[in-house]
Amino acid sequence: MNECVETPSQLKSTRPDVDKARHAASIQAAKMLLSQIAAIQKLLKIYDPENATVLQAGDALLATLKDLFADLPSAELKFWRDCIFVNGERLRCDVSNFAAYKFILVQAQRLEIEKITFEAGITREEVIRFYRFLDSVETAGSKGTAITGRLASEGFTHVSLAAAAHVEQQLDDVGIKSLSKPERAKRAFFAALGSAKEILTSQTSQGAASMRKAKRAVHTAVDILLEDESSLLALAAIKDHDEYTFSHSVNVCIFSLATGHSLGFSRNHLSKLGIAALFHDIGKTSVPQDVLNKIGLLDVNEWKAIREHTVMGVRRLSRMPRCNEHILHSLIVAFQHHLNIDQSGYPLVPPFGSLDIFSRIVRIADTFDAMTTERPYRNKVYSPYEAIRYLASQAGTKFDPILVKAFARAIGVFPIGTVLRLGTGEVGIVVRRSNLSGDPNRPTMRVLLDSTGSPTAESRLIDLGQTDPKTGQFAHTVVETLSCKDLGVNPRDYLMP
């Protein structure tokens, strides 16, 4: 699913602070509105409209609408392709609102509705009655103008609908062109995220359908990787997701695919590797949440529960209705991805030949993503550069040295999301590969701070592959890597197109 994003930048905004605060509050209210709309619709499928839980949800939704009415006399939800706009502002879809965003967008597409407008003066009762109405027309199979025609006769005075016009020219009206490479990457990323969540939470009987969705998502990710590797790696570099297990699985999938591509894997082998990587941690669904998110040291029983997730993953996958080649590879990777190249690690196994190559790749990708992601029980979050150095230091004992080199070649010594300080004093965040050099260690960075340490007023890129025409030497030198956290920088603001 291709989520559309608002594009505020803390380093380039020129609006007064009060306008920025109001804009941020409006965006937050719009995001809250999506969650509340999805919640009340789901509640109405279970409870009567007079139920206390439904009424409470209606009050919350109405309060959010009133927040939006503070600036405008109405609140407009507009749907186009894979985007949702609230009062003309494109909303970002991320893990925190993924389920609500997808639910509302898919419903609008199914009903062929382009716009919903709430007017000031709407009451809780009218809100509840409207969403009961939407449920009834959806059950009846009504679409588009048939729904808008019925709405007019139902006596709604503060809410209106517009049927989808299906006119390509309207793209220009909302500033949307055909999907760019980064936008296609976002669609692949969130489709994979959705597939990961679905299969991790589905019953065994639903596993076959979930696996088919996962295959489609991974195939799309493979296509994007072959076309524009930087876009997927940029998405995997964003670490502020809420649902760690799901986003971690997708990130490991992306890093594994990039490594396989670096090794020259065929499209078929990349597909198998991607599926196995996506579900390497499926056994963690059997580990209690309070253990996964515990702050501080684990006791003996908690550590045992964590270690058993590899075996539990095998059990979960072995119960899939249809065992095929993708499942077999996933079984092996789920079991082996915490085994080191010298066969230490867990689970304890008797000596055998060698680890599966997919397991060795996922072992590296899993470690890298875990080291660079903030977790409640971890004292230190490593920069991508520090994580790469750690992998290199353990090559030959924990990790396959050839595959570590392939991994580093795939994402670079300074991976996307790394903050660099140059010899000029300028500070920037790595956003993609170089357009000038084939050297993966000479990426392109977006400048955040100029040579005086002041935020830059405009977006400016420096390609570290640039050379001095007189000497032939690289024009820029990296003097140190910095922490996004220490700088107060959120990679999402610069890596999400």
Protein backbone atom coordinates (compact mmCIF):
# COMPACT_ATOMS: atom_id res chain seq x y z
CA MET A 1 0.00 0.00 0.00
CA ASN A 2 1.40 3.35 -0.99
CA GLU A 3 0.94 5.76 1.84
CA CYS A 4 1.19 9.47 1.11
CA VAL A 5 3.07 11.73 3.43
CA GLU A 6 2.94 15.28 4.60
CA THR A 7 6.28 16.97 4.10
CA PRO A 8 7.12 19.24 7.02
CA SER A 9 10.83 19.60 7.72
CA GLN A 10 12.05 20.89 11.01
CA LEU A 11 15.18 22.27 9.36
CA LYS A 12 13.65 24.13 6.44
CA SER A 13 10.29 25.38 7.64
CA THR A 14 9.93 29.16 7.49
CA ARG A 15 6.49 29.42 9.12
CA PRO A 16 6.14 31.12 12.51
CA ASP A 17 6.27 28.82 15.52
CA VAL A 18 2.59 29.29 16.25
CA ASP A 19 1.64 28.20 12.72
CA LYS A 20 3.94 25.20 12.97
CA ALA A 21 2.37 24.16 16.26
CA ARG A 22 -1.13 24.57 14.84
CA HIS A 23 -0.19 22.58 11.74
CA ALA A 24 1.28 19.78 13.85
CA ALA A 25 -1.83 19.68 16.03
CA SER A 26 -4.02 19.53 12.92
CA ILE A 27 -2.03 16.61 11.51
CA GLN A 28 -2.25 14.78 14.83
CA ALA A 29 -6.02 15.33 14.96
CA ALA A 30 -6.36 14.05 11.39
CA LYS A 31 -4.45 10.88 12.24
CA MET A 32 -6.55 10.42 15.36
CA LEU A 33 -9.69 10.85 13.24
CA LEU A 34 -8.73 7.89 11.03
CA SER A 35 -8.20 5.62 14.03
CA GLN A 36 -11.50 6.67 15.59
CA ILE A 37 -13.46 6.19 12.36
CA ALA A 38 -12.10 2.66 11.94
CA ALA A 39 -12.80 1.90 15.62
CA ILE A 40 -16.41 3.05 15.62
CA GLN A 41 -17.20 1.11 12.44
CA LYS A 42 -15.81 -2.05 13.95
CA LEU A 43 -17.73 -1.49 17.17
CA LEU A 44 -20.98 -1.01 15.25
CA LYS A 45 -20.56 -4.45 13.74
CA ILE A 46 -20.63 -5.88 17.28
CA TYR A 47 -22.80 -3.59 19.42
CA ASP A 48 -26.06 -1.70 19.13
CA PRO A 49 -25.81 2.08 18.50
CA GLU A 50 -26.98 2.77 22.07
CA ASN A 51 -24.24 0.66 23.63
CA ALA A 52 -22.08 2.62 26.07
CA THR A 53 -18.85 1.66 24.26
CA VAL A 54 -20.24 2.89 20.92
CA LEU A 55 -21.44 6.14 22.51
CA GLN A 56 -18.03 6.69 24.07
CA ALA A 57 -16.34 6.11 20.71
CA GLY A 58 -18.80 8.56 19.13
CA ASP A 59 -17.94 11.21 21.71
CA ALA A 60 -14.22 10.77 21.04
CA LEU A 61 -14.71 11.04 17.28
CA LEU A 62 -16.89 14.13 17.68
CA ALA A 63 -14.27 15.79 19.91
CA THR A 64 -11.63 15.24 17.22
CA LEU A 65 -13.92 16.69 14.54
CA LYS A 66 -14.42 19.77 16.70
CA ASP A 67 -10.63 20.15 16.90
CA LEU A 68 -10.53 20.16 13.10
CA PHE A 69 -13.45 22.61 12.93
CA ALA A 70 -11.35 25.12 14.91
CA ASP A 71 -9.58 26.15 11.70
CA LEU A 72 -12.20 25.30 9.05
CA PRO A 73 -16.00 24.99 9.08
CA SER A 74 -15.75 21.43 7.81
CA ALA A 75 -13.53 18.35 7.87
CA GLU A 76 -13.00 16.74 4.49
CA LEU A 77 -11.63 13.24 3.88
CA LYS A 78 -10.56 12.76 0.27
CA PHE A 79 -9.43 9.45 -1.21
CA TRP A 80 -7.31 9.10 -4.32
CA ARG A 81 -5.51 5.91 -5.33
CA ASP A 82 -3.54 4.93 -2.23
CA CYS A 83 -3.70 8.29 -0.47
CA ILE A 84 -5.95 9.84 2.15
CA PHE A 85 -6.21 13.61 2.46
CA VAL A 86 -7.75 15.41 5.44
CA ASN A 87 -8.56 19.03 4.67
CA GLY A 88 -6.20 18.90 1.72
CA GLU A 89 -3.26 17.50 3.73
CA ARG A 90 -1.84 14.19 2.60
CA LEU A 91 -1.51 11.89 5.58
CA ARG A 92 1.36 9.53 6.17
CA CYS A 93 0.59 5.87 6.63
CA ASP A 94 2.96 4.19 9.06
CA VAL A 95 2.80 1.27 11.45
CA SER A 96 1.02 3.28 14.14
CA ASN A 97 -2.01 3.88 11.90
CA PHE A 98 -1.52 1.22 9.23
CA ALA A 99 -4.60 -0.86 10.10
CA ALA A 100 -6.97 2.13 10.28
CA TYR A 101 -5.53 3.76 7.15
CA LYS A 102 -5.88 0.56 5.14
CA PHE A 103 -9.37 -0.19 6.48
CA ILE A 104 -10.75 3.25 5.57
CA LEU A 105 -9.01 3.49 2.21
CA VAL A 106 -10.04 0.02 1.07
CA GLN A 107 -13.63 0.70 2.14
CA ALA A 108 -13.70 3.96 0.17
CA GLN A 109 -12.32 2.21 -2.90
CA ARG A 110 -14.82 -0.63 -2.56
CA LEU A 111 -17.73 1.81 -2.19
CA GLU A 112 -16.32 4.05 -4.96
CA ILE A 113 -16.41 7.09 -2.68
CA GLU A 114 -14.01 9.91 -3.38
CA LYS A 115 -14.85 12.30 -0.54
CA ILE A 116 -16.59 12.48 2.85
CA THR A 117 -17.28 15.92 4.34
CA PHE A 118 -18.34 16.56 7.94
CA GLU A 119 -19.84 19.99 8.66
CA ALA A 120 -19.64 21.91 11.92
CA GLY A 121 -22.75 21.25 13.99
CA ILE A 122 -22.74 17.49 13.50
CA THR A 123 -23.81 15.53 16.58
CA ARG A 124 -22.71 12.24 18.07
CA GLU A 125 -26.00 10.65 16.99
CA GLU A 126 -25.53 11.74 13.37
CA VAL A 127 -21.96 10.42 13.33
CA ILE A 128 -23.10 7.01 14.60
CA ARG A 129 -26.08 6.94 12.23
CA PHE A 130 -23.82 7.81 9.28
CA TYR A 131 -21.44 4.91 9.89
CA ARG A 132 -24.36 2.53 10.39
CA PHE A 133 -25.58 3.78 7.01
CA LEU A 134 -22.18 3.08 5.38
CA ASP A 135 -22.23 -0.44 6.81
CA SER A 136 -25.72 -1.07 5.44
CA VAL A 137 -24.94 0.15 1.89
CA GLU A 138 -21.72 -1.86 1.86
CA THR A 139 -23.66 -4.98 2.90
CA ALA A 140 -26.17 -4.26 0.14
CA GLY A 141 -23.40 -3.94 -2.44
CA SER A 142 -24.22 -0.31 -3.34
CA LYS A 143 -21.51 1.85 -4.89
CA GLY A 144 -20.74 5.38 -5.96
CA THR A 145 -23.70 7.51 -7.04
CA ALA A 146 -26.16 4.93 -5.71
CA ILE A 147 -24.81 5.63 -2.21
CA THR A 148 -24.77 9.42 -2.58
CA GLY A 149 -28.34 9.28 -3.86
CA ARG A 150 -29.51 7.31 -0.85
CA LEU A 151 -27.62 9.57 1.55
CA ALA A 152 -29.65 12.58 0.42
CA SER A 153 -32.89 10.84 1.28
CA GLU A 154 -31.72 9.65 4.71
CA GLY A 155 -31.86 13.09 6.29
CA PHE A 156 -28.18 13.72 6.95
CA THR A 157 -27.64 17.46 7.35
CA HIS A 158 -24.00 17.70 8.43
CA VAL A 159 -22.29 14.99 6.39
CA SER A 160 -22.06 14.52 2.64
CA LEU A 161 -20.43 12.14 0.15
CA ALA A 162 -18.97 12.49 -3.32
CA ALA A 163 -18.76 9.49 -5.63
CA ALA A 164 -15.42 8.68 -7.25
CA ALA A 165 -15.17 10.36 -10.63
CA HIS A 166 -12.40 8.13 -12.04
CA VAL A 167 -11.00 11.03 -14.05
CA GLU A 168 -7.23 10.88 -14.45
CA GLN A 169 -7.03 14.66 -14.78
CA GLN A 170 -8.00 15.00 -11.12
CA LEU A 171 -4.52 13.84 -10.20
CA ASP A 172 -3.31 17.36 -10.91
CA ASP A 173 -5.93 18.79 -8.56
CA VAL A 174 -4.35 17.07 -5.58
CA GLY A 175 -0.76 17.20 -6.79
CA ILE A 176 -0.35 13.49 -7.52
CA LYS A 177 1.42 12.15 -10.56
CA SER A 178 2.05 8.56 -11.53
CA LEU A 179 3.83 6.62 -8.80
CA SER A 180 7.53 7.41 -8.44
CA LYS A 181 10.15 4.82 -7.55
CA PRO A 182 10.18 5.85 -3.85
CA GLU A 183 6.39 5.73 -3.76
CA ARG A 184 6.41 2.24 -5.28
CA ALA A 185 8.97 1.25 -2.66
CA LYS A 186 6.68 2.51 0.10
CA ARG A 187 3.82 0.49 -1.36
CA ALA A 188 5.97 -2.65 -1.38
CA PHE A 189 7.22 -1.97 2.15
CA PHE A 190 3.81 -1.55 3.73
CA ALA A 191 2.34 -4.43 1.73
CA ALA A 192 5.09 -6.63 3.12
CA LEU A 193 4.48 -5.22 6.59
CA GLY A 194 0.79 -6.03 6.30
CA SER A 195 1.55 -9.55 5.10
CA ALA A 196 3.96 -10.08 7.97
CA LYS A 197 1.39 -8.95 10.50
CA GLU A 198 -1.34 -11.07 8.93
CA ILE A 199 0.62 -14.31 8.88
CA LEU A 200 2.07 -13.73 12.34
CA THR A 201 -1.38 -13.24 13.82
CA SER A 202 -3.46 -15.57 11.65
CA GLN A 203 -4.71 -18.99 12.56
CA THR A 204 -3.00 -21.97 10.94
CA SER A 205 -5.98 -22.57 8.68
CA GLN A 206 -5.51 -19.10 7.20
CA GLY A 207 -1.81 -19.58 6.63
CA ALA A 208 -2.02 -20.56 2.96
CA ALA A 209 -3.86 -17.37 2.01
CA SER A 210 -1.48 -15.25 4.08
CA MET A 211 1.53 -16.90 2.47
CA ARG A 212 0.17 -16.11 -1.00
CA LYS A 213 -0.12 -12.45 0.00
CA ALA A 214 3.39 -12.54 1.42
CA LYS A 215 4.73 -13.94 -1.85
CA ARG A 216 3.09 -11.17 -3.84
CA ALA A 217 4.52 -8.54 -1.49
CA VAL A 218 8.02 -10.02 -1.66
CA HIS A 219 7.85 -10.32 -5.45
CA THR A 220 7.00 -6.61 -5.61
CA ALA A 221 9.85 -5.83 -3.22
CA VAL A 222 12.24 -7.81 -5.43
CA ASP A 223 11.11 -5.84 -8.48
CA ILE A 224 11.64 -2.53 -6.64
CA LEU A 225 15.04 -3.68 -5.40
CA LEU A 226 16.19 -4.51 -8.91
CA GLU A 227 14.92 -1.13 -10.13
CA ASP A 228 15.77 1.22 -7.27
CA GLU A 229 17.61 -0.34 -4.34
CA SER A 230 18.04 2.92 -2.41
CA SER A 231 14.29 3.42 -1.93
CA LEU A 232 13.80 0.13 -0.09
CA LEU A 233 16.96 0.53 1.98
CA ALA A 234 15.81 4.01 3.00
CA LEU A 235 12.55 2.59 4.30
CA ALA A 236 14.36 -0.10 6.28
CA ALA A 237 16.56 2.60 7.84
CA ILE A 238 13.56 4.23 9.55
CA LYS A 239 13.43 2.98 13.12
CA ASP A 240 10.49 4.75 14.80
CA HIS A 241 7.86 2.10 14.11
CA ASP A 242 5.65 1.04 17.01
CA GLU A 243 5.18 -2.63 16.22
CA TYR A 244 8.76 -3.83 16.40
CA THR A 245 8.37 -7.52 15.55
CA PHE A 246 6.52 -6.80 12.32
CA SER A 247 8.67 -3.92 11.07
CA HIS A 248 11.85 -5.76 12.11
CA SER A 249 10.81 -8.74 10.02
CA VAL A 250 10.25 -6.54 6.97
CA ASN A 251 13.56 -4.73 7.50
CA VAL A 252 15.42 -8.04 7.73
CA CYS A 253 13.68 -9.11 4.54
CA ILE A 254 14.86 -5.96 2.74
CA PHE A 255 18.45 -6.22 3.99
CA SER A 256 18.54 -9.91 3.07
CA LEU A 257 17.23 -9.19 -0.43
CA ALA A 258 19.86 -6.48 -0.89
CA THR A 259 22.57 -8.95 0.14
CA GLY A 260 21.23 -11.63 -2.18
CA HIS A 261 21.13 -9.13 -5.02
CA SER A 262 24.75 -8.19 -4.28
CA LEU A 263 25.63 -11.89 -4.56
CA GLY A 264 23.91 -12.16 -7.94
CA PHE A 265 20.94 -14.30 -6.86
CA SER A 266 18.30 -14.94 -9.49
CA ARG A 267 14.82 -13.49 -9.10
CA ASN A 268 13.55 -16.94 -8.05
CA HIS A 269 16.19 -17.31 -5.34
CA LEU A 270 15.57 -13.75 -4.14
CA SER A 271 11.89 -14.59 -3.76
CA LYS A 272 12.66 -17.65 -1.63
CA LEU A 273 15.18 -15.71 0.46
CA GLY A 274 12.72 -12.84 0.97
CA ILE A 275 9.92 -15.10 2.20
CA ALA A 276 12.26 -16.92 4.60
CA ALA A 277 13.62 -13.62 5.94
CA LEU A 278 10.14 -12.13 6.32
CA PHE A 279 9.08 -14.96 8.65
CA HIS A 280 12.35 -15.73 10.41
CA ASP A 281 10.94 -14.48 13.74
CA ILE A 282 7.48 -16.03 13.46
CA GLY A 283 8.19 -18.00 16.64
CA LYS A 284 8.22 -14.78 18.68
CA THR A 285 4.43 -14.74 18.53
CA SER A 286 4.64 -17.50 21.16
CA VAL A 287 6.75 -15.36 23.52
CA PRO A 288 4.78 -13.22 26.02
CA GLN A 289 4.82 -9.49 25.23
CA ASP A 290 5.99 -8.61 28.73
CA VAL A 291 9.10 -10.72 28.13
CA LEU A 292 9.80 -9.28 24.66
CA ASN A 293 9.49 -5.72 25.96
CA LYS A 294 10.97 -6.13 29.44
CA ILE A 295 13.25 -3.36 30.59
CA GLY A 296 16.38 -4.72 32.23
CA LEU A 297 17.96 -8.14 32.48
CA LEU A 298 15.94 -11.27 31.74
CA ASP A 299 15.78 -14.00 34.34
CA VAL A 300 16.53 -17.64 33.51
CA ASN A 301 12.97 -18.54 32.53
CA GLU A 302 12.50 -15.41 30.44
CA TRP A 303 15.75 -15.99 28.60
CA LYS A 304 14.67 -19.57 27.96
CA ALA A 305 11.39 -18.34 26.47
CA ILE A 306 13.30 -16.02 24.14
CA ARG A 307 15.67 -18.75 23.01
CA GLU A 308 12.81 -21.12 22.28
CA HIS A 309 11.35 -18.83 19.62
CA THR A 310 13.48 -20.53 16.97
CA VAL A 311 11.93 -23.94 17.71
CA MET A 312 8.47 -22.41 18.08
CA GLY A 313 8.91 -20.87 14.64
CA VAL A 314 9.52 -24.30 13.17
CA ARG A 315 6.40 -25.64 14.86
CA ARG A 316 4.31 -22.73 13.63
CA LEU A 317 5.48 -23.06 10.03
CA SER A 318 5.17 -26.86 10.04
CA ARG A 319 1.44 -26.47 10.74
CA MET A 320 0.87 -24.54 7.54
CA PRO A 321 -1.74 -26.35 5.40
CA ARG A 322 0.51 -26.71 2.37
CA CYS A 323 4.19 -27.42 2.70
CA ASN A 324 6.06 -26.12 -0.34
CA GLU A 325 9.58 -24.99 -1.15
CA HIS A 326 9.04 -21.54 0.36
CA ILE A 327 7.85 -23.09 3.62
CA LEU A 328 10.81 -25.47 3.76
CA HIS A 329 13.30 -22.62 3.37
CA SER A 330 11.42 -20.64 6.01
CA LEU A 331 11.54 -23.61 8.40
CA ILE A 332 15.30 -23.85 8.07
CA VAL A 333 15.88 -20.11 8.53
CA ALA A 334 13.50 -19.88 11.49
CA PHE A 335 15.49 -22.65 13.20
CA GLN A 336 19.02 -21.50 12.28
CA HIS A 337 18.98 -17.69 12.30
CA HIS A 338 20.53 -17.44 15.79
CA LEU A 339 23.25 -19.99 15.09
CA ASN A 340 26.72 -18.58 14.49
CA ILE A 341 29.00 -19.67 11.68
CA ASP A 342 30.96 -21.76 14.24
CA GLN A 343 27.61 -23.35 15.28
CA SER A 344 27.54 -21.71 18.69
CA GLY A 345 24.49 -19.67 19.62
CA TYR A 346 21.04 -21.23 19.94
CA PRO A 347 19.31 -23.61 19.77
CA LEU A 348 21.96 -26.11 20.86
CA VAL A 349 22.67 -28.52 18.00
CA PRO A 350 25.15 -31.36 17.45
CA PRO A 351 27.96 -30.57 14.99
CA PHE A 352 26.90 -30.72 11.35
CA GLY A 353 28.17 -29.63 7.94
CA SER A 354 27.32 -25.95 7.51
CA LEU A 355 24.48 -23.53 7.97
CA ASP A 356 22.09 -22.90 5.10
CA ILE A 357 23.18 -19.85 3.07
CA PHE A 358 19.79 -18.18 3.58
CA SER A 359 20.22 -18.62 7.35
CA ARG A 360 23.68 -17.07 7.22
CA ILE A 361 22.37 -14.06 5.31
CA VAL A 362 19.40 -13.57 7.64
CA ARG A 363 21.70 -13.92 10.67
CA ILE A 364 23.65 -10.87 9.48
CA ALA A 365 20.59 -8.83 8.50
CA ASP A 366 18.82 -9.69 11.76
CA THR A 367 21.81 -8.61 13.87
CA PHE A 368 22.28 -5.36 11.95
CA ASP A 369 18.64 -4.32 12.27
CA ALA A 370 18.47 -5.30 15.95
CA MET A 371 21.61 -3.31 16.77
CA THR A 372 20.37 -0.16 15.03
CA THR A 373 16.84 -0.19 16.50
CA GLU A 374 15.91 1.34 19.84
CA ARG A 375 14.38 -1.16 22.26
CA PRO A 376 13.35 -0.70 25.93
CA TYR A 377 15.79 -3.30 27.24
CA ARG A 378 18.83 -2.06 25.29
CA ASN A 379 21.15 0.56 26.78
CA LYS A 380 22.75 1.50 23.47
CA VAL A 381 21.47 1.94 19.95
CA TYR A 382 24.30 1.55 17.46
CA SER A 383 24.64 3.76 14.43
CA PRO A 384 24.53 1.90 11.10
CA TYR A 385 28.26 2.54 10.73
CA GLU A 386 29.01 1.06 14.18
CA ALA A 387 26.86 -2.00 13.40
CA ILE A 388 28.74 -2.60 10.15
CA ARG A 389 32.05 -2.42 12.05
CA TYR A 390 30.77 -4.93 14.61
CA LEU A 391 29.72 -7.38 11.89
CA ALA A 392 33.17 -7.09 10.33
CA SER A 393 34.88 -7.65 13.70
CA GLN A 394 32.93 -10.91 14.23
CA ALA A 395 33.34 -12.24 10.70
CA GLY A 396 34.69 -15.78 10.78
CA THR A 397 33.32 -16.62 14.24
CA LYS A 398 29.72 -15.39 14.39
CA PHE A 399 29.18 -14.43 10.78
CA ASP A 400 30.18 -15.72 7.36
CA PRO A 401 33.02 -13.38 6.28
CA ILE A 402 32.11 -13.56 2.58
CA LEU A 403 28.49 -12.70 3.32
CA VAL A 404 29.50 -9.84 5.65
CA LYS A 405 31.43 -8.36 2.73
CA ALA A 406 28.42 -8.86 0.46
CA PHE A 407 26.18 -7.20 3.05
CA ALA A 408 28.55 -4.24 3.42
CA ARG A 409 28.78 -3.97 -0.35
CA ALA A 410 24.99 -3.97 -0.60
CA ILE A 411 24.30 -1.23 1.95
CA GLY A 412 27.70 0.51 2.09
CA VAL A 413 30.04 1.29 4.95
CA PHE A 414 27.86 4.34 5.54
CA PRO A 415 24.36 2.88 5.14
CA ILE A 416 21.30 4.97 4.36
CA GLY A 417 20.25 6.75 7.54
CA THR A 418 23.84 7.33 8.75
CA VAL A 419 24.65 10.89 9.85
CA LEU A 420 28.06 12.11 8.69
CA ARG A 421 30.27 15.10 9.42
CA LEU A 422 32.51 16.16 6.55
CA GLY A 423 35.89 17.80 6.65
CA THR A 424 34.17 21.07 5.77
CA GLY A 425 32.16 20.85 9.00
CA GLU A 426 28.91 20.18 7.18
CA VAL A 427 26.62 17.52 8.66
CA GLY A 428 24.21 15.44 6.64
CA ILE A 429 22.22 12.22 6.52
CA VAL A 430 22.87 9.54 3.90
CA VAL A 431 19.81 9.26 1.67
CA ARG A 432 20.90 7.15 -1.31
CA ARG A 433 23.73 5.78 -3.37
CA SER A 434 26.07 8.01 -5.35
CA ASN A 435 25.09 8.98 -8.87
CA LEU A 436 28.72 9.72 -9.71
CA SER A 437 30.65 6.78 -8.33
CA GLY A 438 30.26 3.02 -8.29
CA ASP A 439 31.86 2.98 -4.85
CA PRO A 440 29.17 1.97 -2.31
CA ASN A 441 31.18 3.74 0.38
CA ARG A 442 30.72 7.13 -1.28
CA PRO A 443 26.96 7.75 -0.85
CA THR A 444 24.84 10.86 -1.34
CA MET A 445 23.88 12.80 1.78
CA ARG A 446 21.33 15.51 2.45
CA VAL A 447 22.89 18.44 4.28
CA LEU A 448 21.34 19.18 7.68
CA LEU A 449 23.86 21.63 9.14
CA ASP A 450 26.18 23.96 7.27
CA SER A 451 29.86 24.49 8.05
CA THR A 452 28.96 26.85 10.90
CA GLY A 453 26.66 24.30 12.55
CA SER A 454 23.47 26.14 11.55
CA PRO A 455 20.45 24.33 10.06
CA THR A 456 20.34 24.71 6.30
CA ALA A 457 17.49 26.75 4.88
CA GLU A 458 17.19 24.66 1.74
CA SER A 459 17.45 21.00 0.87
CA ARG A 460 20.91 20.41 -0.55
CA LEU A 461 22.56 17.16 -1.57
CA ILE A 462 26.26 16.34 -1.54
CA ASP A 463 27.38 13.36 -3.60
CA LEU A 464 30.47 11.96 -1.91
CA GLY A 465 31.40 10.38 -5.23
CA GLN A 466 32.22 13.81 -6.60
CA THR A 467 35.88 14.28 -7.54
CA ASP A 468 38.11 17.31 -7.95
CA PRO A 469 38.60 17.79 -11.71
CA LYS A 470 42.19 18.97 -11.15
CA THR A 471 43.45 16.21 -8.86
CA GLY A 472 41.02 13.39 -9.57
CA GLN A 473 40.68 12.89 -5.81
CA PHE A 474 37.35 12.78 -3.99
CA ALA A 475 36.18 16.29 -3.18
CA HIS A 476 34.77 15.46 0.26
CA THR A 477 36.13 13.62 3.28
CA VAL A 478 34.10 11.99 6.07
CA VAL A 479 35.64 12.80 9.46
CA GLU A 480 33.11 11.16 11.80
CA THR A 481 29.68 9.56 12.11
CA LEU A 482 27.10 11.08 14.46
CA SER A 483 23.94 9.94 16.23
CA CYS A 484 20.50 10.92 14.92
CA LYS A 485 19.25 10.89 18.51
CA ASP A 486 21.91 13.27 19.77
CA LEU A 487 21.17 15.69 16.93
CA GLY A 488 17.42 15.45 17.48
CA VAL A 489 16.98 14.25 13.90
CA ASN A 490 14.26 11.81 12.87
CA PRO A 491 15.36 9.90 9.74
CA ARG A 492 11.71 9.64 8.70
CA ASP A 493 11.69 13.37 7.85
CA TYR A 494 14.41 12.86 5.26
CA LEU A 495 14.09 9.27 4.05
CA MET A 496 10.33 9.05 3.48
CA PRO A 497 9.66 10.74 0.13
